[in-house]
Amino acid sequence: MSLRLRQVSHEVFFSTDAFSRIGPAEIAFLKNQATTSNRRRARICAHPSNENPLHEMVIVAASDSYIHPHRHHDKSESFHIIEGEVDIVMFDGEGDVTDIIELGDISSKKPFFYRLSDERFHTLYIRSEFLVFQEVTNGPFVPGATVLAEFAPNEEDDTAVEIWNKELERRVVQYWQAAKEHEGR
């Protein structure tokens, strides 16, 4: 790996190079870190610190990574899928699914980019062994500023998360079945 990194945690690394270049070696590194991380994900931040006004990250999340449904105040975010497939699941404040955005890398023939500019609860339903994506959002990063949905379990409750993930899968399947039926009308 040619990129020099400063490790902040088992899953967060900051590039210390003047020019951040991320390629196959860095993706392999992130996949290895995600596999051994408790949260089953890892990232390389191309921005030098949490205080930067623009945050650019390459993130790897394993299929069994739990992303607590959340929303951001006064932030937007965009994803560019590098490898894998994902459904971005949107919720209302009660936890009902309101929309799902299907994404995949360019070889999937699905949209590979999305941007969220309002305060919607959302999570990732990862459809591949790993999801590799670039996320861009505005900084600074303020711990605790992200609003976690009260309708979803705390990530430390393994049993509740397992139940949530199975229910989310059921709801995603149901959503796409209803969309297909509506399309056939």
Protein backbone atom coordinates (compact mmCIF):
# COMPACT_ATOMS: atom_id res chain seq x y z
CA MET A 1 0.00 0.00 0.00
CA SER A 2 1.47 3.33 -1.03
CA LEU A 3 -0.83 5.59 1.04
CA ARG A 4 0.45 6.69 4.44
CA LEU A 5 -2.25 6.55 7.11
CA ARG A 6 -2.83 7.84 10.62
CA GLN A 7 -4.98 5.39 12.56
CA VAL A 8 -7.68 6.91 14.77
CA SER A 9 -9.48 3.67 15.63
CA HIS A 10 -9.66 0.12 14.34
CA GLU A 11 -11.95 1.33 11.57
CA VAL A 12 -10.96 4.96 10.91
CA PHE A 13 -7.79 6.06 9.11
CA PHE A 14 -6.74 9.50 7.85
CA SER A 15 -4.48 9.93 4.86
CA THR A 16 -1.35 11.87 5.77
CA ASP A 17 -0.25 12.29 2.15
CA ALA A 18 -0.58 15.59 0.30
CA PHE A 19 -2.26 13.65 -2.53
CA SER A 20 -4.58 10.84 -1.46
CA ARG A 21 -4.63 7.96 -3.94
CA ILE A 22 -6.85 5.01 -3.21
CA GLY A 23 -6.62 1.88 -5.33
CA PRO A 24 -6.87 -1.91 -5.03
CA ALA A 25 -4.29 -2.20 -2.22
CA GLU A 26 -6.14 0.30 -0.05
CA ILE A 27 -9.49 -1.38 -0.76
CA ALA A 28 -8.01 -4.77 0.23
CA PHE A 29 -6.68 -3.16 3.42
CA LEU A 30 -10.12 -1.71 4.23
CA LYS A 31 -11.84 -5.05 3.56
CA ASN A 32 -9.45 -6.73 5.97
CA GLN A 33 -10.09 -4.04 8.59
CA ALA A 34 -13.87 -4.30 8.09
CA THR A 35 -13.72 -8.07 8.50
CA THR A 36 -12.04 -7.74 11.90
CA SER A 37 -13.90 -4.62 13.10
CA ASN A 38 -16.72 -5.01 15.62
CA ARG A 39 -18.89 -2.72 13.48
CA ARG A 40 -17.85 -4.58 10.29
CA ARG A 41 -16.72 -1.47 8.44
CA ALA A 42 -13.65 0.69 7.90
CA ARG A 43 -12.80 3.97 6.18
CA ILE A 44 -9.96 6.05 4.86
CA CYS A 45 -10.57 9.77 5.22
CA ALA A 46 -8.94 11.85 2.49
CA HIS A 47 -9.57 15.04 4.50
CA PRO A 48 -6.85 15.73 7.08
CA SER A 49 -9.05 16.20 10.18
CA ASN A 50 -12.58 16.19 11.59
CA GLU A 51 -12.57 20.00 11.48
CA ASN A 52 -12.35 20.23 7.69
CA PRO A 53 -15.36 21.79 5.93
CA LEU A 54 -15.41 18.99 3.32
CA HIS A 55 -15.18 15.31 4.24
CA GLU A 56 -14.28 12.75 1.57
CA MET A 57 -14.03 9.11 2.58
CA VAL A 58 -13.71 5.71 0.99
CA ILE A 59 -15.66 3.28 3.12
CA VAL A 60 -15.94 -0.50 3.12
CA ALA A 61 -18.89 -2.09 4.90
CA ALA A 62 -19.44 -5.84 5.15
CA SER A 63 -22.90 -7.17 4.36
CA ASP A 64 -23.59 -7.79 8.05
CA SER A 65 -22.65 -4.25 9.13
CA TYR A 66 -25.44 -2.54 11.05
CA ILE A 67 -25.86 1.10 10.11
CA HIS A 68 -28.21 2.59 12.70
CA PRO A 69 -30.89 4.53 10.82
CA HIS A 70 -29.95 8.17 11.24
CA ARG A 71 -30.35 11.67 9.88
CA HIS A 72 -28.17 14.75 9.78
CA HIS A 73 -29.07 18.37 10.59
CA ASP A 74 -27.74 20.92 8.12
CA LYS A 75 -25.71 18.37 6.16
CA SER A 76 -25.93 16.71 2.83
CA GLU A 77 -24.19 13.53 1.79
CA SER A 78 -23.46 11.77 -1.44
CA PHE A 79 -22.36 8.24 -2.23
CA HIS A 80 -20.51 6.95 -5.26
CA ILE A 81 -20.53 3.14 -5.36
CA ILE A 82 -17.15 1.69 -6.27
CA GLU A 83 -17.93 -1.99 -5.70
CA GLY A 84 -21.03 -3.89 -4.63
CA GLU A 85 -24.74 -3.22 -4.37
CA VAL A 86 -26.89 -1.51 -1.75
CA ASP A 87 -30.38 -0.25 -1.11
CA ILE A 88 -30.52 3.10 0.68
CA VAL A 89 -33.65 2.74 2.82
CA MET A 90 -35.48 5.94 3.81
CA PHE A 91 -37.82 6.12 6.81
CA ASP A 92 -40.27 8.55 8.28
CA GLY A 93 -40.04 9.49 11.96
CA GLU A 94 -42.12 6.46 12.99
CA GLY A 95 -39.87 3.96 11.21
CA ASP A 96 -42.06 3.29 8.18
CA VAL A 97 -40.16 2.79 4.93
CA THR A 98 -40.91 5.74 2.64
CA ASP A 99 -38.49 5.11 -0.21
CA ILE A 100 -35.63 2.87 -1.28
CA ILE A 101 -32.85 3.93 -3.61
CA GLU A 102 -31.22 1.01 -5.40
CA LEU A 103 -27.51 1.51 -6.16
CA GLY A 104 -24.67 -0.58 -7.55
CA ASP A 105 -21.26 -0.20 -9.07
CA ILE A 106 -21.15 0.76 -12.73
CA SER A 107 -20.99 -2.88 -13.89
CA SER A 108 -24.39 -3.55 -12.25
CA LYS A 109 -26.19 -1.22 -14.69
CA LYS A 110 -27.90 0.38 -11.65
CA PRO A 111 -27.47 3.99 -10.61
CA PHE A 112 -24.08 4.33 -8.91
CA PHE A 113 -24.48 7.79 -7.33
CA TYR A 114 -26.91 9.43 -4.98
CA ARG A 115 -27.13 12.59 -2.94
CA LEU A 116 -29.33 13.24 0.09
CA SER A 117 -29.88 16.90 0.86
CA ASP A 118 -32.61 16.82 3.49
CA GLU A 119 -33.07 15.45 6.98
CA ARG A 120 -34.44 11.97 6.33
CA PHE A 121 -33.76 8.90 8.41
CA HIS A 122 -31.83 6.42 6.30
CA THR A 123 -29.78 3.26 6.51
CA LEU A 124 -27.98 0.87 4.19
CA TYR A 125 -29.24 -2.58 3.21
CA ILE A 126 -26.07 -4.09 1.74
CA ARG A 127 -26.71 -6.68 -0.98
CA SER A 128 -23.11 -7.80 -1.64
CA GLU A 129 -20.39 -9.35 0.52
CA PHE A 130 -18.78 -5.91 0.76
CA LEU A 131 -19.94 -2.45 -0.21
CA VAL A 132 -17.13 -0.10 -1.24
CA PHE A 133 -18.18 3.52 -1.68
CA GLN A 134 -16.98 7.07 -1.59
CA GLU A 135 -18.96 9.30 0.75
CA VAL A 136 -18.76 13.07 0.63
CA THR A 137 -20.35 15.28 3.25
CA ASN A 138 -19.84 18.68 4.76
CA GLY A 139 -17.85 19.04 7.96
CA PRO A 140 -16.90 19.53 10.58
CA PHE A 141 -17.61 16.17 12.19
CA VAL A 142 -19.23 16.74 15.55
CA PRO A 143 -19.67 13.58 17.67
CA GLY A 144 -23.29 13.26 18.72
CA ALA A 145 -24.62 15.62 16.03
CA THR A 146 -26.05 12.74 14.01
CA VAL A 147 -29.60 11.93 15.12
CA LEU A 148 -30.05 8.20 15.64
CA ALA A 149 -33.57 6.90 15.01
CA GLU A 150 -35.32 5.87 18.21
CA PHE A 151 -37.32 3.27 16.28
CA ALA A 152 -34.16 1.21 15.64
CA PRO A 153 -32.03 -0.70 18.15
CA ASN A 154 -28.78 0.44 19.70
CA GLU A 155 -25.82 -1.14 17.91
CA GLU A 156 -24.55 -2.71 21.16
CA ASP A 157 -27.70 -4.86 21.48
CA ASP A 158 -26.68 -7.79 19.26
CA THR A 159 -29.97 -9.67 19.64
CA ALA A 160 -32.10 -6.64 18.79
CA VAL A 161 -29.84 -5.79 15.84
CA GLU A 162 -30.17 -9.33 14.48
CA ILE A 163 -33.97 -9.10 14.72
CA TRP A 164 -33.89 -5.61 13.13
CA ASN A 165 -31.75 -6.82 10.21
CA LYS A 166 -34.13 -9.70 9.46
CA GLU A 167 -37.12 -7.37 9.65
CA LEU A 168 -35.37 -4.82 7.42
CA GLU A 169 -34.70 -7.53 4.84
CA ARG A 170 -38.39 -8.51 4.92
CA ARG A 171 -39.46 -4.89 4.51
CA VAL A 172 -37.07 -4.29 1.61
CA VAL A 173 -38.33 -7.41 -0.19
CA GLN A 174 -41.92 -6.33 0.45
CA TYR A 175 -41.20 -2.83 -0.87
CA TRP A 176 -39.72 -4.14 -4.13
CA GLN A 177 -42.55 -6.66 -4.59
CA ALA A 178 -45.12 -3.89 -4.19
CA ALA A 179 -43.19 -1.68 -6.62
CA LYS A 180 -43.06 -4.50 -9.18
CA GLU A 181 -46.82 -5.14 -8.80
CA HIS A 182 -47.56 -1.44 -9.19
CA GLU A 183 -45.37 -1.31 -12.30
CA GLY A 184 -47.29 -4.23 -13.82
CA ARG A 185 -50.65 -2.47 -13.55
